[in-house]
């Protein structure tokens, strides 16, 4: 299905509630690496989590989608990063992602969007902050490594992210954040190494681009970061799909740009936006 920000009315977000977590020893330097010690994640029982995400009515989901659109309206569309929550600081892909996000933010000057979680999402957030550019995100109550199950981020200000109860609302937000409404918009989707959640988001957005249902008036660059041949087996599988005829020859390759390193991705974006 497609996503259009014009189909829903926008509302102002509710006042952000302060959290009760204790944060220890963190400091932020936009122009240097950020050092953060996280408080112990708050855990909830499976029964409480199920109750909190129960879709008792479509109105609840609709209201959360409206909040996602309002956040985008306030902070501006930009580059959306999708990636693993499990590759933490010190991992080679974390370091590469942090540097990529910094360079992309400097190149395009747009807001950097992500799932506002740990792992490679956090690397993208830190890279954009080091560039001194806007950062925003759509959290979900529970990431793969259970970073937190509350409306809490260890260093981002609360007005720059939204904690979603529903994955569907979060997906609407991540898609709409990449929409280009005018030539002045510099947006994109960058898929970093990741697992089931990353692949789910990436292929949903790719399908919307394929079917021209993403709701963007202009083309959106879509980049697959094949660090250390991470996605090479996936690319081989897509070749098999071509052999079986489930996708047309060259169809997938026409929808995205596969990059093996940051230099290739930056060169592609610079050429795409003539900057």
C-alpha atoms as a PDB file:
ATOM      1  CA  UNK A   1       0.000   0.000   0.000  1.00  0.00           C
ATOM      2  CA  UNK A   2       1.061   3.607  -0.453  1.00  0.00           C
ATOM      3  CA  UNK A   3       1.667   6.332   2.073  1.00  0.00           C
ATOM      4  CA  UNK A   4       0.535   9.921   1.673  1.00  0.00           C
ATOM      5  CA  UNK A   5       0.984  12.620   4.299  1.00  0.00           C
ATOM      6  CA  UNK A   6      -1.914  14.528   2.772  1.00  0.00           C
ATOM      7  CA  UNK A   7      -4.424  11.821   3.593  1.00  0.00           C
ATOM      8  CA  UNK A   8      -4.411  12.432   7.327  1.00  0.00           C
ATOM      9  CA  UNK A   9      -4.887  15.545   9.393  1.00  0.00           C
ATOM     10  CA  UNK A  10      -1.953  16.649  11.544  1.00  0.00           C
ATOM     11  CA  UNK A  11      -2.175  17.224  15.239  1.00  0.00           C
ATOM     12  CA  UNK A  12       0.176  18.653  17.777  1.00  0.00           C
ATOM     13  CA  UNK A  13       2.082  16.027  19.789  1.00  0.00           C
ATOM     14  CA  UNK A  14       1.266  15.653  23.475  1.00  0.00           C
ATOM     15  CA  UNK A  15       3.665  17.093  26.038  1.00  0.00           C
ATOM     16  CA  UNK A  16       6.584  14.750  26.554  1.00  0.00           C
ATOM     17  CA  UNK A  17       6.627  13.082  29.929  1.00  0.00           C
ATOM     18  CA  UNK A  18       9.874  12.956  31.812  1.00  0.00           C
ATOM     19  CA  UNK A  19      11.284   9.488  32.426  1.00  0.00           C
ATOM     20  CA  UNK A  20      12.372   8.049  35.715  1.00  0.00           C
ATOM     21  CA  UNK A  21      15.588   6.469  34.495  1.00  0.00           C
ATOM     22  CA  UNK A  22      18.856   7.475  36.042  1.00  0.00           C
ATOM     23  CA  UNK A  23      21.442   8.372  33.453  1.00  0.00           C
ATOM     24  CA  UNK A  24      25.066   8.000  34.407  1.00  0.00           C
ATOM     25  CA  UNK A  25      28.124   9.757  33.026  1.00  0.00           C
ATOM     26  CA  UNK A  26      27.083  10.829  29.579  1.00  0.00           C
ATOM     27  CA  UNK A  27      28.357  13.768  27.600  1.00  0.00           C
ATOM     28  CA  UNK A  28      27.646  15.060  24.132  1.00  0.00           C
ATOM     29  CA  UNK A  29      30.085  16.789  21.811  1.00  0.00           C
ATOM     30  CA  UNK A  30      28.635  17.377  18.367  1.00  0.00           C
ATOM     31  CA  UNK A  31      32.042  17.687  16.788  1.00  0.00           C
ATOM     32  CA  UNK A  32      33.632  14.711  18.552  1.00  0.00           C
ATOM     33  CA  UNK A  33      32.590  11.150  19.426  1.00  0.00           C
ATOM     34  CA  UNK A  34      29.775  10.876  21.939  1.00  0.00           C
ATOM     35  CA  UNK A  35      30.351   8.918  25.122  1.00  0.00           C
ATOM     36  CA  UNK A  36      27.260   7.433  26.661  1.00  0.00           C
ATOM     37  CA  UNK A  37      26.645   5.011  29.494  1.00  0.00           C
ATOM     38  CA  UNK A  38      23.180   3.632  29.289  1.00  0.00           C
ATOM     39  CA  UNK A  39      20.937   3.076  32.241  1.00  0.00           C
ATOM     40  CA  UNK A  40      19.706  -0.459  32.744  1.00  0.00           C
ATOM     41  CA  UNK A  41      16.909  -1.161  30.232  1.00  0.00           C
ATOM     42  CA  UNK A  42      13.427  -1.155  31.647  1.00  0.00           C
ATOM     43  CA  UNK A  43      11.785  -4.481  30.969  1.00  0.00           C
ATOM     44  CA  UNK A  44       8.110  -5.221  30.760  1.00  0.00           C
ATOM     45  CA  UNK A  45       6.338  -8.535  30.870  1.00  0.00           C
ATOM     46  CA  UNK A  46       5.026 -10.011  27.650  1.00  0.00           C
ATOM     47  CA  UNK A  47       1.466  -9.600  28.912  1.00  0.00           C
ATOM     48  CA  UNK A  48       1.956  -5.886  29.597  1.00  0.00           C
ATOM     49  CA  UNK A  49       3.648  -5.376  26.239  1.00  0.00           C
ATOM     50  CA  UNK A  50       0.772  -7.121  24.464  1.00  0.00           C
ATOM     51  CA  UNK A  51      -1.762  -4.951  26.270  1.00  0.00           C
ATOM     52  CA  UNK A  52       0.155  -1.788  25.401  1.00  0.00           C
ATOM     53  CA  UNK A  53       0.235  -2.610  21.676  1.00  0.00           C
ATOM     54  CA  UNK A  54      -3.252  -4.045  21.343  1.00  0.00           C
ATOM     55  CA  UNK A  55      -5.159  -2.511  18.457  1.00  0.00           C
ATOM     56  CA  UNK A  56      -8.454  -1.920  20.216  1.00  0.00           C
ATOM     57  CA  UNK A  57      -9.485   0.448  17.434  1.00  0.00           C
ATOM     58  CA  UNK A  58      -8.130   1.780  14.150  1.00  0.00           C
ATOM     59  CA  UNK A  59      -8.334   5.273  15.646  1.00  0.00           C
ATOM     60  CA  UNK A  60      -5.379   4.546  17.944  1.00  0.00           C
ATOM     61  CA  UNK A  61      -3.141   3.634  15.018  1.00  0.00           C
ATOM     62  CA  UNK A  62      -4.376   6.607  12.994  1.00  0.00           C
ATOM     63  CA  UNK A  63      -3.573   9.025  15.820  1.00  0.00           C
ATOM     64  CA  UNK A  64      -0.045   7.664  16.094  1.00  0.00           C
ATOM     65  CA  UNK A  65       0.482   8.011  12.340  1.00  0.00           C
ATOM     66  CA  UNK A  66      -0.632  11.632  12.634  1.00  0.00           C
ATOM     67  CA  UNK A  67       1.984  12.200  15.334  1.00  0.00           C
ATOM     68  CA  UNK A  68       4.635  10.715  13.030  1.00  0.00           C
ATOM     69  CA  UNK A  69       3.656  13.109  10.243  1.00  0.00           C
ATOM     70  CA  UNK A  70       3.687  16.043  12.646  1.00  0.00           C
ATOM     71  CA  UNK A  71       7.235  15.206  13.738  1.00  0.00           C
ATOM     72  CA  UNK A  72       8.329  15.118  10.087  1.00  0.00           C
ATOM     73  CA  UNK A  73       6.608  18.457   9.449  1.00  0.00           C
ATOM     74  CA  UNK A  74       8.527  20.041  12.316  1.00  0.00           C
ATOM     75  CA  UNK A  75      11.971  18.552  11.683  1.00  0.00           C
ATOM     76  CA  UNK A  76      11.984  18.169   7.895  1.00  0.00           C
ATOM     77  CA  UNK A  77      12.366  15.229   5.553  1.00  0.00           C
ATOM     78  CA  UNK A  78      15.785  13.764   4.853  1.00  0.00           C
ATOM     79  CA  UNK A  79      17.843  10.596   4.650  1.00  0.00           C
ATOM     80  CA  UNK A  80      16.373   7.522   6.348  1.00  0.00           C
ATOM     81  CA  UNK A  81      18.801   4.931   7.740  1.00  0.00           C
ATOM     82  CA  UNK A  82      17.700   1.313   8.204  1.00  0.00           C
ATOM     83  CA  UNK A  83      20.040  -1.071   9.996  1.00  0.00           C
ATOM     84  CA  UNK A  84      20.775  -3.623  12.667  1.00  0.00           C
ATOM     85  CA  UNK A  85      20.121  -2.916  16.346  1.00  0.00           C
ATOM     86  CA  UNK A  86      22.731  -5.530  17.305  1.00  0.00           C
ATOM     87  CA  UNK A  87      25.976  -4.197  15.820  1.00  0.00           C
ATOM     88  CA  UNK A  88      27.289  -1.994  18.590  1.00  0.00           C
ATOM     89  CA  UNK A  89      30.238   0.391  19.059  1.00  0.00           C
ATOM     90  CA  UNK A  90      33.503  -1.174  18.017  1.00  0.00           C
ATOM     91  CA  UNK A  91      31.939  -3.239  15.224  1.00  0.00           C
ATOM     92  CA  UNK A  92      33.466  -2.328  11.870  1.00  0.00           C
ATOM     93  CA  UNK A  93      30.026  -1.649  10.369  1.00  0.00           C
ATOM     94  CA  UNK A  94      29.171   0.670  13.264  1.00  0.00           C
ATOM     95  CA  UNK A  95      32.306   2.711  12.625  1.00  0.00           C
ATOM     96  CA  UNK A  96      31.632   2.825   8.863  1.00  0.00           C
ATOM     97  CA  UNK A  97      28.007   3.852   9.419  1.00  0.00           C
ATOM     98  CA  UNK A  98      28.961   6.636  11.816  1.00  0.00           C
ATOM     99  CA  UNK A  99      31.375   8.087   9.287  1.00  0.00           C
ATOM    100  CA  UNK A 100      28.880   7.668   6.420  1.00  0.00           C
ATOM    101  CA  UNK A 101      26.109   9.500   8.272  1.00  0.00           C
ATOM    102  CA  UNK A 102      28.480  12.336   9.133  1.00  0.00           C
ATOM    103  CA  UNK A 103      29.579  12.752   5.511  1.00  0.00           C
ATOM    104  CA  UNK A 104      26.034  12.450   4.100  1.00  0.00           C
ATOM    105  CA  UNK A 105      24.753  15.059   6.562  1.00  0.00           C
ATOM    106  CA  UNK A 106      27.539  17.436   5.524  1.00  0.00           C
ATOM    107  CA  UNK A 107      26.889  16.760   1.832  1.00  0.00           C
ATOM    108  CA  UNK A 108      23.098  17.150   1.800  1.00  0.00           C
ATOM    109  CA  UNK A 109      22.509  19.249   4.924  1.00  0.00           C
ATOM    110  CA  UNK A 110      19.222  17.467   5.605  1.00  0.00           C
ATOM    111  CA  UNK A 111      17.726  15.781   8.647  1.00  0.00           C
ATOM    112  CA  UNK A 112      18.977  12.259   9.373  1.00  0.00           C
ATOM    113  CA  UNK A 113      16.192   9.829  10.293  1.00  0.00           C
ATOM    114  CA  UNK A 114      16.374   6.352  11.793  1.00  0.00           C
ATOM    115  CA  UNK A 115      14.606   4.010  14.168  1.00  0.00           C
ATOM    116  CA  UNK A 116      16.338   5.927  16.995  1.00  0.00           C
ATOM    117  CA  UNK A 117      17.474   2.662  18.517  1.00  0.00           C
ATOM    118  CA  UNK A 118      20.832   1.072  19.303  1.00  0.00           C
ATOM    119  CA  UNK A 119      23.363  -0.512  16.953  1.00  0.00           C
ATOM    120  CA  UNK A 120      23.716   0.935  13.473  1.00  0.00           C
ATOM    121  CA  UNK A 121      20.748   3.247  14.061  1.00  0.00           C
ATOM    122  CA  UNK A 122      22.730   4.803  16.894  1.00  0.00           C
ATOM    123  CA  UNK A 123      25.836   5.018  14.708  1.00  0.00           C
ATOM    124  CA  UNK A 124      23.884   7.015  12.105  1.00  0.00           C
ATOM    125  CA  UNK A 125      22.508   9.275  14.834  1.00  0.00           C
ATOM    126  CA  UNK A 126      25.943   9.986  16.262  1.00  0.00           C
ATOM    127  CA  UNK A 127      27.465  10.616  12.846  1.00  0.00           C
ATOM    128  CA  UNK A 128      24.833  13.207  11.968  1.00  0.00           C
ATOM    129  CA  UNK A 129      25.244  14.885  15.359  1.00  0.00           C
ATOM    130  CA  UNK A 130      28.984  15.145  14.805  1.00  0.00           C
ATOM    131  CA  UNK A 131      28.210  16.990  11.564  1.00  0.00           C
ATOM    132  CA  UNK A 132      26.056  19.405  13.562  1.00  0.00           C
ATOM    133  CA  UNK A 133      22.962  18.565  11.493  1.00  0.00           C
ATOM    134  CA  UNK A 134      19.368  17.766  12.580  1.00  0.00           C
ATOM    135  CA  UNK A 135      18.633  14.257  13.794  1.00  0.00           C
ATOM    136  CA  UNK A 136      15.237  12.630  14.323  1.00  0.00           C
ATOM    137  CA  UNK A 137      13.711   9.205  14.652  1.00  0.00           C
ATOM    138  CA  UNK A 138      10.846   6.850  15.283  1.00  0.00           C
ATOM    139  CA  UNK A 139      11.528   4.469  18.134  1.00  0.00           C
ATOM    140  CA  UNK A 140       9.619   1.307  18.861  1.00  0.00           C
ATOM    141  CA  UNK A 141       8.889   0.044  22.340  1.00  0.00           C
ATOM    142  CA  UNK A 142      11.134  -3.001  21.986  1.00  0.00           C
ATOM    143  CA  UNK A 143      14.158  -3.408  19.736  1.00  0.00           C
ATOM    144  CA  UNK A 144      15.776  -6.743  18.938  1.00  0.00           C
ATOM    145  CA  UNK A 145      18.249  -6.372  21.799  1.00  0.00           C
ATOM    146  CA  UNK A 146      15.742  -4.787  24.207  1.00  0.00           C
ATOM    147  CA  UNK A 147      17.625  -1.479  24.496  1.00  0.00           C
ATOM    148  CA  UNK A 148      14.604   0.054  26.146  1.00  0.00           C
ATOM    149  CA  UNK A 149      10.876  -0.497  26.347  1.00  0.00           C
ATOM    150  CA  UNK A 150       9.954   3.052  27.319  1.00  0.00           C
ATOM    151  CA  UNK A 151       9.795   6.501  25.763  1.00  0.00           C
ATOM    152  CA  UNK A 152      13.451   7.111  26.525  1.00  0.00           C
ATOM    153  CA  UNK A 153      16.591   7.886  24.568  1.00  0.00           C
ATOM    154  CA  UNK A 154      19.909   8.267  26.392  1.00  0.00           C
ATOM    155  CA  UNK A 155      20.931  11.538  24.736  1.00  0.00           C
ATOM    156  CA  UNK A 156      18.492  12.772  22.072  1.00  0.00           C
ATOM    157  CA  UNK A 157      16.093  15.509  23.215  1.00  0.00           C
ATOM    158  CA  UNK A 158      12.540  14.230  23.484  1.00  0.00           C
ATOM    159  CA  UNK A 159      11.204  16.665  20.857  1.00  0.00           C
ATOM    160  CA  UNK A 160      13.352  15.011  18.168  1.00  0.00           C
ATOM    161  CA  UNK A 161      11.905  11.504  18.298  1.00  0.00           C
ATOM    162  CA  UNK A 162       8.658   9.670  18.816  1.00  0.00           C
ATOM    163  CA  UNK A 163       8.236   6.325  20.539  1.00  0.00           C
ATOM    164  CA  UNK A 164       5.652   4.343  18.566  1.00  0.00           C
ATOM    165  CA  UNK A 165       3.378   1.675  19.999  1.00  0.00           C
ATOM    166  CA  UNK A 166       2.611   0.273  16.555  1.00  0.00           C
ATOM    167  CA  UNK A 167       5.049  -0.907  13.888  1.00  0.00           C
ATOM    168  CA  UNK A 168       2.611   0.189  11.193  1.00  0.00           C
ATOM    169  CA  UNK A 169       2.752   3.806  12.387  1.00  0.00           C
ATOM    170  CA  UNK A 170       6.526   3.676  12.597  1.00  0.00           C
ATOM    171  CA  UNK A 171       6.710   2.400   9.019  1.00  0.00           C
ATOM    172  CA  UNK A 172       4.464   5.207   7.812  1.00  0.00           C
ATOM    173  CA  UNK A 173       6.826   7.677   9.465  1.00  0.00           C
ATOM    174  CA  UNK A 174      10.004   6.165   8.038  1.00  0.00           C
ATOM    175  CA  UNK A 175       8.506   6.149   4.532  1.00  0.00           C
ATOM    176  CA  UNK A 176       7.136   9.680   4.647  1.00  0.00           C
ATOM    177  CA  UNK A 177      10.434  11.044   6.009  1.00  0.00           C
ATOM    178  CA  UNK A 178      12.055  10.094   2.688  1.00  0.00           C
ATOM    179  CA  UNK A 179       9.388  11.573   0.387  1.00  0.00           C
ATOM    180  CA  UNK A 180      10.515  14.367  -1.944  1.00  0.00           C
ATOM    181  CA  UNK A 181       7.797  16.966  -2.411  1.00  0.00           C
ATOM    182  CA  UNK A 182       9.992  19.459  -4.318  1.00  0.00           C
ATOM    183  CA  UNK A 183      13.387  19.838  -5.974  1.00  0.00           C
ATOM    184  CA  UNK A 184      14.666  21.466  -2.800  1.00  0.00           C
ATOM    185  CA  UNK A 185      14.119  18.276  -0.816  1.00  0.00           C
ATOM    186  CA  UNK A 186      17.236  16.132  -0.434  1.00  0.00           C
ATOM    187  CA  UNK A 187      16.129  12.775   0.864  1.00  0.00           C
ATOM    188  CA  UNK A 188      17.052   9.131   0.491  1.00  0.00           C
ATOM    189  CA  UNK A 189      16.968   5.660   1.974  1.00  0.00           C
ATOM    190  CA  UNK A 190      20.209   4.000   3.076  1.00  0.00           C
ATOM    191  CA  UNK A 191      19.989   0.315   3.991  1.00  0.00           C
ATOM    192  CA  UNK A 192      22.795  -0.795   6.288  1.00  0.00           C
ATOM    193  CA  UNK A 193      23.583  -4.384   7.276  1.00  0.00           C
ATOM    194  CA  UNK A 194      20.741  -5.822   9.318  1.00  0.00           C
ATOM    195  CA  UNK A 195      18.408  -8.696  10.054  1.00  0.00           C
ATOM    196  CA  UNK A 196      14.710  -9.436   9.748  1.00  0.00           C
ATOM    197  CA  UNK A 197      13.499  -5.974  10.773  1.00  0.00           C
ATOM    198  CA  UNK A 198      15.884  -4.202   8.412  1.00  0.00           C
ATOM    199  CA  UNK A 199      14.956  -6.448   5.487  1.00  0.00           C
ATOM    200  CA  UNK A 200      11.253  -6.007   6.233  1.00  0.00           C
ATOM    201  CA  UNK A 201      11.527  -2.215   6.125  1.00  0.00           C
ATOM    202  CA  UNK A 202      13.886  -2.162   3.153  1.00  0.00           C
ATOM    203  CA  UNK A 203      11.795  -4.386   0.893  1.00  0.00           C
ATOM    204  CA  UNK A 204       8.550  -2.677   1.837  1.00  0.00           C
ATOM    205  CA  UNK A 205       9.991   0.686   0.766  1.00  0.00           C
ATOM    206  CA  UNK A 206      11.540  -0.912  -2.327  1.00  0.00           C
ATOM    207  CA  UNK A 207       8.131  -2.348  -3.283  1.00  0.00           C
ATOM    208  CA  UNK A 208       6.535   1.083  -2.892  1.00  0.00           C
ATOM    209  CA  UNK A 209       9.175   2.562  -5.205  1.00  0.00           C
ATOM    210  CA  UNK A 210       8.732  -0.296  -7.691  1.00  0.00           C
ATOM    211  CA  UNK A 211       4.966   0.184  -7.812  1.00  0.00           C
ATOM    212  CA  UNK A 212       5.219   3.997  -7.764  1.00  0.00           C
ATOM    213  CA  UNK A 213       3.216   4.088  -4.543  1.00  0.00           C
ATOM    214  CA  UNK A 214       5.692   5.772  -2.233  1.00  0.00           C
ATOM    215  CA  UNK A 215       3.864   9.092  -2.631  1.00  0.00           C
ATOM    216  CA  UNK A 216       6.946  11.029  -3.761  1.00  0.00           C
ATOM    217  CA  UNK A 217       6.614  13.506  -6.592  1.00  0.00           C
ATOM    218  CA  UNK A 218      10.313  13.040  -7.409  1.00  0.00           C
ATOM    219  CA  UNK A 219      12.613   9.986  -7.423  1.00  0.00           C
ATOM    220  CA  UNK A 220      14.152   8.978  -4.104  1.00  0.00           C
ATOM    221  CA  UNK A 221      17.688   7.534  -4.074  1.00  0.00           C
ATOM    222  CA  UNK A 222      17.782   4.090  -2.467  1.00  0.00           C
ATOM    223  CA  UNK A 223      21.204   2.753  -1.446  1.00  0.00           C
ATOM    224  CA  UNK A 224      22.096  -0.744  -0.238  1.00  0.00           C
ATOM    225  CA  UNK A 225      25.362  -0.711   1.737  1.00  0.00           C
ATOM    226  CA  UNK A 226      27.083  -3.999   0.989  1.00  0.00           C
ATOM    227  CA  UNK A 227      29.809  -3.633   3.621  1.00  0.00           C
ATOM    228  CA  UNK A 228      32.215  -6.602   3.542  1.00  0.00           C
ATOM    229  CA  UNK A 229      29.911  -8.356   1.033  1.00  0.00           C
ATOM    230  CA  UNK A 230      27.201  -8.535   3.725  1.00  0.00           C
ATOM    231  CA  UNK A 231      24.378  -8.602   1.171  1.00  0.00           C
ATOM    232  CA  UNK A 232      26.131 -10.581  -1.567  1.00  0.00           C
ATOM    233  CA  UNK A 233      24.112 -13.758  -0.901  1.00  0.00           C
ATOM    234  CA  UNK A 234      20.918 -11.708  -1.018  1.00  0.00           C
ATOM    235  CA  UNK A 235      21.948 -10.255  -4.365  1.00  0.00           C
ATOM    236  CA  UNK A 236      22.617 -13.778  -5.634  1.00  0.00           C
ATOM    237  CA  UNK A 237      19.134 -14.819  -4.518  1.00  0.00           C
ATOM    238  CA  UNK A 238      17.626 -11.926  -6.469  1.00  0.00           C
ATOM    239  CA  UNK A 239      19.534 -13.152  -9.518  1.00  0.00           C
ATOM    240  CA  UNK A 240      17.844 -16.518  -8.963  1.00  0.00           C
ATOM    241  CA  UNK A 241      14.488 -14.708  -8.845  1.00  0.00           C
ATOM    242  CA  UNK A 242      15.293 -13.279 -12.265  1.00  0.00           C
ATOM    243  CA  UNK A 243      16.107 -16.776 -13.553  1.00  0.00           C
ATOM    244  CA  UNK A 244      12.735 -18.026 -12.308  1.00  0.00           C
ATOM    245  CA  UNK A 245      10.940 -15.011 -13.724  1.00  0.00           C
ATOM    246  CA  UNK A 246       9.524 -13.721 -10.424  1.00  0.00           C
ATOM    247  CA  UNK A 247      11.230 -10.406 -11.149  1.00  0.00           C
ATOM    248  CA  UNK A 248      12.171  -9.026 -14.543  1.00  0.00           C
ATOM    249  CA  UNK A 249      15.753  -8.850 -15.748  1.00  0.00           C
ATOM    250  CA  UNK A 250      17.395  -5.745 -14.345  1.00  0.00           C
ATOM    251  CA  UNK A 251      14.249  -4.740 -12.461  1.00  0.00           C
ATOM    252  CA  UNK A 252      15.722  -4.732  -8.952  1.00  0.00           C
ATOM    253  CA  UNK A 253      19.026  -3.178  -9.988  1.00  0.00           C
ATOM    254  CA  UNK A 254      17.095  -0.267 -11.513  1.00  0.00           C
ATOM    255  CA  UNK A 255      15.438   0.479  -8.161  1.00  0.00           C
ATOM    256  CA  UNK A 256      18.512   0.804  -5.951  1.00  0.00           C
ATOM    257  CA  UNK A 257      22.232   1.456  -5.947  1.00  0.00           C
ATOM    258  CA  UNK A 258      24.444  -1.196  -4.372  1.00  0.00           C
ATOM    259  CA  UNK A 259      27.530   0.353  -2.758  1.00  0.00           C
ATOM    260  CA  UNK A 260      30.432  -1.554  -1.250  1.00  0.00           C
ATOM    261  CA  UNK A 261      31.873   1.375   0.696  1.00  0.00           C
ATOM    262  CA  UNK A 262      31.148   4.907   1.840  1.00  0.00           C
ATOM    263  CA  UNK A 263      32.987   6.553  -1.032  1.00  0.00           C
ATOM    264  CA  UNK A 264      30.704   4.918  -3.583  1.00  0.00           C
ATOM    265  CA  UNK A 265      27.597   5.975  -1.667  1.00  0.00           C
ATOM    266  CA  UNK A 266      28.752   9.579  -1.303  1.00  0.00           C
ATOM    267  CA  UNK A 267      29.700   9.777  -4.984  1.00  0.00           C
ATOM    268  CA  UNK A 268      26.275   8.436  -5.972  1.00  0.00           C
ATOM    269  CA  UNK A 269      24.408  10.957  -3.799  1.00  0.00           C
ATOM    270  CA  UNK A 270      26.610  13.817  -5.019  1.00  0.00           C
ATOM    271  CA  UNK A 271      25.827  12.875  -8.621  1.00  0.00           C
ATOM    272  CA  UNK A 272      22.114  12.314  -7.898  1.00  0.00           C
ATOM    273  CA  UNK A 273      21.711  15.770  -6.348  1.00  0.00           C
ATOM    274  CA  UNK A 274      24.405  17.493  -8.405  1.00  0.00           C
ATOM    275  CA  UNK A 275      26.239  18.750  -5.340  1.00  0.00           C
END
